[in-house]
Structures are given as C-alpha cells and as structure tokens.
Amino acid sequence: MKATKLAIALLAATGISAIATPAMAYEAGDWLVRGRIINVNPNDDSGTLSIGGADTGLQGVKVDSDTVPELDITYMIDRNWGVELILGYSEHTVAGEKSWSALGDVIDAKVLPPTLTLQYHFMPDSNIRPYIGAGVNYTYFFDEEVAGSVLPVPGSKVKLEDSFGLAAQAGVDIAINDDWFVNMDVKYIQIDTTAKFSGTAVGSAKISADIDPFVYGIGIGRKF
C-alpha cells in the first residue's frame, strides 16, 4: 500500500515536473518567424467630401475588412526584448455611408503596411510567453481604382496618400516543442490618408479618412 502511494506520488511529481519544464526558452540572437492568418478590421472615421475645391458637407466613408496571410520576423535582442517586422498586404473597398451612402462603392485599393515594433516578452522561459509591443507603421496604397456605378467614367482616377503612424500590439506564443509554437496576436495601427479623385462623374474630389484598423491574427511560428 505504501509502495503504491509512493509510486503514485512519483508519477504525479514527474507529471508536474514535465508540465513545469519549459519546452523552449528565448535567448539573445534568436530569430522567431511566424506565419499568421489575420483579419484587418478598420475602425474608420472620415472627414467631409470636397468637390472641385468646395466643401460639400457630405461626410462618411467606411472601409471593409479583409482576411489574409501575414509573415512576421522577430529578432531577440536579449531574452526579454525583441524587434519585430510585420509583412503582408490586404485589399479593401471603400464605400460611402451617412450623407455619402448614395454613391455606394467608391474605391478599390491594395494596402501594404510594413510595421516595426519593439516587443517585451514577459516570461521567456515559460511554455506560455505573453508579450506586448509598440512601434511605427508605414502604409503604402497601390492599384487604386475608382469603384462602383456612380463615380467611374472613362479616364477617372483616384490616389490614396501614403501614411505614417504608430502601432501597438499584444500577443502570446504557446510552445509546441523546442522549436515550434502557436501564436495569437492583436495589433492596432494608425493609418490616416486622403483620397484624391480626378476625372470622375463629379470632376475632381477629395476626402480624408482615418482607417486605424485592429488586426487580429492566429498562426504558427518557429525559432531559429
């Protein structure tokens, strides 16, 4: 009976020890490469529409969300601090709302928002390693087109100004083994732009917009 209790105690202790032993620890010089599926969810707000240089007082655009793959690379400066570069692009349609809703879709565009953050990893020796980060974002808009059925005419064009802004993130890495881990992450990115139309059904026009998306991601990563 005593032997049985001792065996159970030893098995329990071994199990607890296995759970408590980290599968992987971060060290200075490590590279962490993550692949994620992300949802870019704009938290948009817009100014008023100007046509031919005159403010119409018409306000309101909304930007749809997009779900895309993303790649990010982190270099660990030491066991707690890392620098992450976030890479990926998404496609969005801008549509009128509120006073501008009758115009429907107005812009189709692709967005490339490389983002650099400085991260702090709270528990680099644990199987579950939460982190926070803050940094800067540069957003490049490309392949812009005048969309919908109201504004487009032959020769109509639209250009979205590129944007610089701040970024913040929070996430967690959950170890699978010595090298691989699951990742969950959320980011907030400041993206402010102005859309300039030319040659449309209403002539030249301009409207500013704060896109400011939340980016939700889940994926898998590997330590090198």
C-alpha atoms as a PDB file:
ATOM      1  CA  MET A   1       0.000   0.000   0.000  1.00  0.00           C
ATOM      2  CA  LYS A   2       2.802   2.369   0.911  1.00  0.00           C
ATOM      3  CA  ALA A   3       4.652   1.363  -2.265  1.00  0.00           C
ATOM      4  CA  THR A   4       1.538   2.106  -4.315  1.00  0.00           C
ATOM      5  CA  LYS A   5       1.131   5.543  -2.732  1.00  0.00           C
ATOM      6  CA  LEU A   6       4.827   6.254  -3.300  1.00  0.00           C
ATOM      7  CA  ALA A   7       4.536   5.231  -6.961  1.00  0.00           C
ATOM      8  CA  ILE A   8       1.502   7.470  -7.430  1.00  0.00           C
ATOM      9  CA  ALA A   9       3.333  10.346  -5.783  1.00  0.00           C
ATOM     10  CA  LEU A  10       6.377   9.816  -8.012  1.00  0.00           C
ATOM     11  CA  LEU A  11       4.212   9.686 -11.146  1.00  0.00           C
ATOM     12  CA  ALA A  12       2.378  12.841 -10.087  1.00  0.00           C
ATOM     13  CA  ALA A  13       5.653  14.623  -9.353  1.00  0.00           C
ATOM     14  CA  THR A  14       7.058  13.535 -12.719  1.00  0.00           C
ATOM     15  CA  GLY A  15       3.953  14.812 -14.495  1.00  0.00           C
ATOM     16  CA  ILE A  16       4.078  18.150 -12.692  1.00  0.00           C
ATOM     17  CA  SER A  17       7.777  18.431 -13.464  1.00  0.00           C
ATOM     18  CA  ALA A  18       7.152  17.754 -17.149  1.00  0.00           C
ATOM     19  CA  ILE A  19       4.458  20.394 -17.256  1.00  0.00           C
ATOM     20  CA  ALA A  20       6.620  22.907 -15.422  1.00  0.00           C
ATOM     21  CA  THR A  21       9.708  22.303 -17.588  1.00  0.00           C
ATOM     22  CA  PRO A  22       9.733  24.795 -20.456  1.00  0.00           C
ATOM     23  CA  ALA A  23       9.737  23.249 -23.916  1.00  0.00           C
ATOM     24  CA  MET A  24      11.648  26.239 -25.254  1.00  0.00           C
ATOM     25  CA  ALA A  25      13.277  29.403 -23.936  1.00  0.00           C
ATOM     26  CA  TYR A  26      14.146  32.562 -25.849  1.00  0.00           C
ATOM     27  CA  GLU A  27      17.760  33.706 -25.917  1.00  0.00           C
ATOM     28  CA  ALA A  28      19.610  36.711 -27.326  1.00  0.00           C
ATOM     29  CA  GLY A  29      20.199  36.227 -31.042  1.00  0.00           C
ATOM     30  CA  ASP A  30      17.166  34.001 -31.658  1.00  0.00           C
ATOM     31  CA  TRP A  31      15.070  34.566 -34.774  1.00  0.00           C
ATOM     32  CA  LEU A  32      11.319  33.928 -34.480  1.00  0.00           C
ATOM     33  CA  VAL A  33       9.427  33.517 -37.744  1.00  0.00           C
ATOM     34  CA  ARG A  34       5.620  33.446 -37.590  1.00  0.00           C
ATOM     35  CA  GLY A  35       3.017  32.798 -40.256  1.00  0.00           C
ATOM     36  CA  ARG A  36      -0.450  34.046 -39.378  1.00  0.00           C
ATOM     37  CA  ILE A  37      -3.911  34.331 -40.808  1.00  0.00           C
ATOM     38  CA  ILE A  38      -5.056  37.844 -39.956  1.00  0.00           C
ATOM     39  CA  ASN A  39      -8.277  39.794 -40.140  1.00  0.00           C
ATOM     40  CA  VAL A  40      -7.768  43.503 -40.868  1.00  0.00           C
ATOM     41  CA  ASN A  41     -10.759  45.240 -39.320  1.00  0.00           C
ATOM     42  CA  PRO A  42     -10.822  49.025 -39.946  1.00  0.00           C
ATOM     43  CA  ASN A  43     -12.005  51.333 -37.192  1.00  0.00           C
ATOM     44  CA  ASP A  44     -12.667  54.097 -39.693  1.00  0.00           C
ATOM     45  CA  ASP A  45     -13.744  57.719 -39.479  1.00  0.00           C
ATOM     46  CA  SER A  46     -13.831  60.258 -42.301  1.00  0.00           C
ATOM     47  CA  GLY A  47     -13.868  63.961 -42.968  1.00  0.00           C
ATOM     48  CA  THR A  48     -16.178  65.782 -45.377  1.00  0.00           C
ATOM     49  CA  LEU A  49     -16.144  65.445 -49.156  1.00  0.00           C
ATOM     50  CA  SER A  50     -14.763  68.310 -51.220  1.00  0.00           C
ATOM     51  CA  ILE A  51     -15.749  68.599 -54.890  1.00  0.00           C
ATOM     52  CA  GLY A  52     -13.843  70.993 -57.114  1.00  0.00           C
ATOM     53  CA  GLY A  53     -12.237  72.509 -54.016  1.00  0.00           C
ATOM     54  CA  ALA A  54     -15.576  73.289 -52.331  1.00  0.00           C
ATOM     55  CA  ASP A  55     -16.554  71.537 -49.107  1.00  0.00           C
ATOM     56  CA  THR A  56     -19.915  69.834 -49.665  1.00  0.00           C
ATOM     57  CA  GLY A  57     -20.516  68.991 -46.021  1.00  0.00           C
ATOM     58  CA  LEU A  58     -21.172  65.375 -47.079  1.00  0.00           C
ATOM     59  CA  GLN A  59     -19.491  63.086 -44.588  1.00  0.00           C
ATOM     60  CA  GLY A  60     -18.884  59.384 -44.238  1.00  0.00           C
ATOM     61  CA  VAL A  61     -16.912  56.543 -45.742  1.00  0.00           C
ATOM     62  CA  LYS A  62     -16.404  53.020 -44.476  1.00  0.00           C
ATOM     63  CA  VAL A  63     -13.683  50.520 -45.313  1.00  0.00           C
ATOM     64  CA  ASP A  64     -14.451  46.807 -45.451  1.00  0.00           C
ATOM     65  CA  SER A  65     -12.367  44.179 -43.649  1.00  0.00           C
ATOM     66  CA  ASP A  66     -10.112  41.572 -45.240  1.00  0.00           C
ATOM     67  CA  THR A  67      -8.668  38.222 -44.123  1.00  0.00           C
ATOM     68  CA  VAL A  68      -5.202  37.450 -45.496  1.00  0.00           C
ATOM     69  CA  PRO A  69      -1.938  35.638 -44.664  1.00  0.00           C
ATOM     70  CA  GLU A  70       0.828  37.556 -42.871  1.00  0.00           C
ATOM     71  CA  LEU A  71       4.523  36.915 -42.217  1.00  0.00           C
ATOM     72  CA  ASP A  72       6.465  38.447 -39.353  1.00  0.00           C
ATOM     73  CA  ILE A  73      10.066  38.099 -38.235  1.00  0.00           C
ATOM     74  CA  THR A  74      11.334  38.851 -34.718  1.00  0.00           C
ATOM     75  CA  TYR A  75      14.972  39.216 -33.676  1.00  0.00           C
ATOM     76  CA  MET A  76      15.575  38.759 -29.948  1.00  0.00           C
ATOM     77  CA  ILE A  77      17.946  41.457 -28.665  1.00  0.00           C
ATOM     78  CA  ASP A  78      18.091  39.653 -25.335  1.00  0.00           C
ATOM     79  CA  ARG A  79      15.878  37.159 -23.502  1.00  0.00           C
ATOM     80  CA  ASN A  80      13.051  39.666 -22.987  1.00  0.00           C
ATOM     81  CA  TRP A  81      13.356  42.271 -25.738  1.00  0.00           C
ATOM     82  CA  GLY A  82      12.767  41.673 -29.421  1.00  0.00           C
ATOM     83  CA  VAL A  83      12.278  43.698 -32.614  1.00  0.00           C
ATOM     84  CA  GLU A  84       9.543  42.515 -34.992  1.00  0.00           C
ATOM     85  CA  LEU A  85       8.949  43.346 -38.653  1.00  0.00           C
ATOM     86  CA  ILE A  86       5.406  42.620 -39.821  1.00  0.00           C
ATOM     87  CA  LEU A  87       4.832  41.982 -43.533  1.00  0.00           C
ATOM     88  CA  GLY A  88       1.673  41.426 -45.550  1.00  0.00           C
ATOM     89  CA  TYR A  89      -0.880  43.187 -47.703  1.00  0.00           C
ATOM     90  CA  SER A  90      -4.636  43.345 -47.891  1.00  0.00           C
ATOM     91  CA  GLU A  91      -7.316  44.519 -50.317  1.00  0.00           C
ATOM     92  CA  HIS A  92     -10.173  46.824 -49.352  1.00  0.00           C
ATOM     93  CA  THR A  93     -13.222  48.518 -50.802  1.00  0.00           C
ATOM     94  CA  VAL A  94     -14.162  51.994 -49.604  1.00  0.00           C
ATOM     95  CA  ALA A  95     -17.878  52.785 -49.713  1.00  0.00           C
ATOM     96  CA  GLY A  96     -19.905  55.847 -48.897  1.00  0.00           C
ATOM     97  CA  GLU A  97     -22.103  55.942 -45.823  1.00  0.00           C
ATOM     98  CA  LYS A  98     -24.206  58.532 -43.976  1.00  0.00           C
ATOM     99  CA  SER A  99     -24.539  61.572 -46.293  1.00  0.00           C
ATOM    100  CA  TRP A 100     -22.450  59.854 -48.959  1.00  0.00           C
ATOM    101  CA  SER A 101     -24.211  56.477 -48.943  1.00  0.00           C
ATOM    102  CA  ALA A 102     -25.933  57.057 -52.318  1.00  0.00           C
ATOM    103  CA  LEU A 103     -22.545  56.798 -54.030  1.00  0.00           C
ATOM    104  CA  GLY A 104     -22.087  53.174 -52.954  1.00  0.00           C
ATOM    105  CA  ASP A 105     -18.601  51.796 -53.540  1.00  0.00           C
ATOM    106  CA  VAL A 106     -16.083  54.481 -54.457  1.00  0.00           C
ATOM    107  CA  ILE A 107     -12.564  52.977 -54.181  1.00  0.00           C
ATOM    108  CA  ASP A 108     -10.888  49.600 -54.553  1.00  0.00           C
ATOM    109  CA  ALA A 109      -7.294  49.548 -53.287  1.00  0.00           C
ATOM    110  CA  LYS A 110      -4.485  47.316 -52.092  1.00  0.00           C
ATOM    111  CA  VAL A 111      -2.660  48.174 -48.882  1.00  0.00           C
ATOM    112  CA  LEU A 112       0.926  47.317 -47.930  1.00  0.00           C
ATOM    113  CA  PRO A 113       1.529  48.333 -44.277  1.00  0.00           C
ATOM    114  CA  PRO A 114       5.026  47.216 -43.115  1.00  0.00           C
ATOM    115  CA  THR A 115       5.188  47.711 -39.350  1.00  0.00           C
ATOM    116  CA  LEU A 116       8.181  47.639 -36.994  1.00  0.00           C
ATOM    117  CA  THR A 117       7.627  47.093 -33.267  1.00  0.00           C
ATOM    118  CA  LEU A 118       9.779  46.767 -30.177  1.00  0.00           C
ATOM    119  CA  GLN A 119       8.445  43.895 -28.068  1.00  0.00           C
ATOM    120  CA  TYR A 120       8.788  42.930 -24.422  1.00  0.00           C
ATOM    121  CA  HIS A 121       8.383  39.196 -23.693  1.00  0.00           C
ATOM    122  CA  PHE A 122       7.326  38.685 -20.080  1.00  0.00           C
ATOM    123  CA  MET A 123       8.208  35.023 -19.473  1.00  0.00           C
ATOM    124  CA  PRO A 124      10.877  33.848 -21.936  1.00  0.00           C
ATOM    125  CA  ASP A 125      11.421  30.568 -20.036  1.00  0.00           C
ATOM    126  CA  SER A 126       7.756  29.561 -19.897  1.00  0.00           C
ATOM    127  CA  ASN A 127       5.712  27.378 -22.228  1.00  0.00           C
ATOM    128  CA  ILE A 128       3.260  30.302 -22.449  1.00  0.00           C
ATOM    129  CA  ARG A 129       5.025  33.563 -23.297  1.00  0.00           C
ATOM    130  CA  PRO A 130       2.899  36.729 -23.483  1.00  0.00           C
ATOM    131  CA  TYR A 131       4.317  39.912 -24.982  1.00  0.00           C
ATOM    132  CA  ILE A 132       3.432  43.490 -25.769  1.00  0.00           C
ATOM    133  CA  GLY A 133       4.896  45.787 -28.398  1.00  0.00           C
ATOM    134  CA  ALA A 134       4.848  49.305 -29.777  1.00  0.00           C
ATOM    135  CA  GLY A 135       6.336  50.848 -32.878  1.00  0.00           C
ATOM    136  CA  VAL A 136       5.785  52.606 -36.182  1.00  0.00           C
ATOM    137  CA  ASN A 137       3.914  51.856 -39.374  1.00  0.00           C
ATOM    138  CA  TYR A 138       4.293  52.989 -42.977  1.00  0.00           C
ATOM    139  CA  THR A 139       1.302  52.285 -45.210  1.00  0.00           C
ATOM    140  CA  TYR A 140       1.625  52.233 -48.992  1.00  0.00           C
ATOM    141  CA  PHE A 141      -1.531  52.201 -51.124  1.00  0.00           C
ATOM    142  CA  PHE A 142      -1.369  50.792 -54.645  1.00  0.00           C
ATOM    143  CA  ASP A 143      -3.563  49.601 -57.544  1.00  0.00           C
ATOM    144  CA  GLU A 144      -6.227  52.124 -56.565  1.00  0.00           C
ATOM    145  CA  GLU A 145      -9.316  52.246 -58.781  1.00  0.00           C
ATOM    146  CA  VAL A 146     -12.494  54.312 -58.816  1.00  0.00           C
ATOM    147  CA  ALA A 147     -15.177  51.739 -57.955  1.00  0.00           C
ATOM    148  CA  GLY A 148     -18.937  51.411 -58.045  1.00  0.00           C
ATOM    149  CA  SER A 149     -21.514  52.607 -60.562  1.00  0.00           C
ATOM    150  CA  VAL A 150     -21.746  56.359 -59.819  1.00  0.00           C
ATOM    151  CA  LEU A 151     -18.288  57.952 -59.899  1.00  0.00           C
ATOM    152  CA  PRO A 152     -16.422  55.968 -62.592  1.00  0.00           C
ATOM    153  CA  VAL A 153     -16.225  57.368 -66.127  1.00  0.00           C
ATOM    154  CA  PRO A 154     -13.549  56.729 -68.759  1.00  0.00           C
ATOM    155  CA  GLY A 155     -10.271  58.183 -67.503  1.00  0.00           C
ATOM    156  CA  SER A 156     -11.352  58.566 -63.871  1.00  0.00           C
ATOM    157  CA  LYS A 157      -8.589  58.053 -61.301  1.00  0.00           C
ATOM    158  CA  VAL A 158      -8.083  58.050 -57.552  1.00  0.00           C
ATOM    159  CA  LYS A 159      -4.921  58.233 -55.473  1.00  0.00           C
ATOM    160  CA  LEU A 160      -4.614  57.473 -51.761  1.00  0.00           C
ATOM    161  CA  GLU A 161      -1.827  59.265 -49.923  1.00  0.00           C
ATOM    162  CA  ASP A 162       0.672  57.068 -48.083  1.00  0.00           C
ATOM    163  CA  SER A 163       0.617  57.171 -44.290  1.00  0.00           C
ATOM    164  CA  PHE A 164       2.983  57.127 -41.315  1.00  0.00           C
ATOM    165  CA  GLY A 165       1.580  56.216 -37.899  1.00  0.00           C
ATOM    166  CA  LEU A 166       2.061  54.461 -34.591  1.00  0.00           C
ATOM    167  CA  ALA A 167       1.326  50.809 -33.852  1.00  0.00           C
ATOM    168  CA  ALA A 168       0.688  48.757 -30.710  1.00  0.00           C
ATOM    169  CA  GLN A 169       0.327  45.022 -30.213  1.00  0.00           C
ATOM    170  CA  ALA A 170      -0.238  42.307 -27.643  1.00  0.00           C
ATOM    171  CA  GLY A 171       0.110  38.591 -28.133  1.00  0.00           C
ATOM    172  CA  VAL A 172       1.207  35.231 -26.818  1.00  0.00           C
ATOM    173  CA  ASP A 173       3.412  32.361 -28.013  1.00  0.00           C
ATOM    174  CA  ILE A 174       2.442  28.872 -26.797  1.00  0.00           C
ATOM    175  CA  ALA A 175       5.190  26.250 -27.129  1.00  0.00           C
ATOM    176  CA  ILE A 176       4.558  23.003 -29.010  1.00  0.00           C
ATOM    177  CA  ASN A 177       8.134  21.697 -28.668  1.00  0.00           C
ATOM    178  CA  ASP A 178      11.695  23.070 -28.595  1.00  0.00           C
ATOM    179  CA  ASP A 179      11.317  24.925 -31.905  1.00  0.00           C
ATOM    180  CA  TRP A 180       7.644  25.307 -32.833  1.00  0.00           C
ATOM    181  CA  PHE A 181       4.910  27.356 -31.183  1.00  0.00           C
ATOM    182  CA  VAL A 182       1.366  28.613 -31.737  1.00  0.00           C
ATOM    183  CA  ASN A 183       0.862  32.369 -31.828  1.00  0.00           C
ATOM    184  CA  MET A 184      -2.125  34.662 -31.192  1.00  0.00           C
ATOM    185  CA  ASP A 185      -1.754  38.404 -31.687  1.00  0.00           C
ATOM    186  CA  VAL A 186      -3.760  41.626 -31.913  1.00  0.00           C
ATOM    187  CA  LYS A 187      -2.489  44.937 -33.260  1.00  0.00           C
ATOM    188  CA  TYR A 188      -3.800  48.473 -33.544  1.00  0.00           C
ATOM    189  CA  ILE A 189      -2.323  50.522 -36.407  1.00  0.00           C
ATOM    190  CA  GLN A 190      -2.740  54.231 -37.107  1.00  0.00           C
ATOM    191  CA  ILE A 191      -3.472  54.763 -40.809  1.00  0.00           C
ATOM    192  CA  ASP A 192      -4.605  58.217 -41.945  1.00  0.00           C
ATOM    193  CA  THR A 193      -4.961  59.029 -45.624  1.00  0.00           C
ATOM    194  CA  THR A 194      -6.576  61.391 -48.116  1.00  0.00           C
ATOM    195  CA  ALA A 195      -8.253  60.127 -51.281  1.00  0.00           C
ATOM    196  CA  LYS A 196      -7.945  62.432 -54.302  1.00  0.00           C
ATOM    197  CA  PHE A 197     -10.246  61.773 -57.271  1.00  0.00           C
ATOM    198  CA  SER A 198      -9.858  63.179 -60.773  1.00  0.00           C
ATOM    199  CA  GLY A 199     -11.899  62.836 -63.956  1.00  0.00           C
ATOM    200  CA  THR A 200     -14.891  61.284 -62.194  1.00  0.00           C
ATOM    201  CA  ALA A 201     -18.593  61.875 -62.832  1.00  0.00           C
ATOM    202  CA  VAL A 202     -18.395  64.791 -60.355  1.00  0.00           C
ATOM    203  CA  GLY A 203     -14.995  66.008 -61.558  1.00  0.00           C
ATOM    204  CA  SER A 204     -12.190  66.324 -59.006  1.00  0.00           C
ATOM    205  CA  ALA A 205     -12.929  65.438 -55.402  1.00  0.00           C
ATOM    206  CA  LYS A 206     -11.123  64.810 -52.119  1.00  0.00           C
ATOM    207  CA  ILE A 207     -11.890  63.208 -48.775  1.00  0.00           C
ATOM    208  CA  SER A 208      -9.694  62.322 -45.791  1.00  0.00           C
ATOM    209  CA  ALA A 209     -10.123  59.174 -43.717  1.00  0.00           C
ATOM    210  CA  ASP A 210      -8.724  57.676 -40.522  1.00  0.00           C
ATOM    211  CA  ILE A 211      -8.686  53.919 -41.146  1.00  0.00           C
ATOM    212  CA  ASP A 212      -6.948  52.837 -37.891  1.00  0.00           C
ATOM    213  CA  PRO A 213      -7.545  49.066 -38.123  1.00  0.00           C
ATOM    214  CA  PHE A 214      -7.462  46.415 -35.443  1.00  0.00           C
ATOM    215  CA  VAL A 215      -5.597  43.388 -36.802  1.00  0.00           C
ATOM    216  CA  TYR A 216      -6.437  40.007 -35.255  1.00  0.00           C
ATOM    217  CA  GLY A 217      -4.141  37.080 -36.021  1.00  0.00           C
ATOM    218  CA  ILE A 218      -3.548  33.428 -35.248  1.00  0.00           C
ATOM    219  CA  GLY A 219      -0.809  31.231 -36.636  1.00  0.00           C
ATOM    220  CA  ILE A 220       2.263  29.124 -36.061  1.00  0.00           C
ATOM    221  CA  GLY A 221       5.892  30.067 -35.560  1.00  0.00           C
ATOM    222  CA  ARG A 222       9.375  28.594 -35.398  1.00  0.00           C
ATOM    223  CA  LYS A 223      12.506  29.586 -33.520  1.00  0.00           C
ATOM    224  CA  PHE A 224      15.836  29.630 -35.396  1.00  0.00           C
END
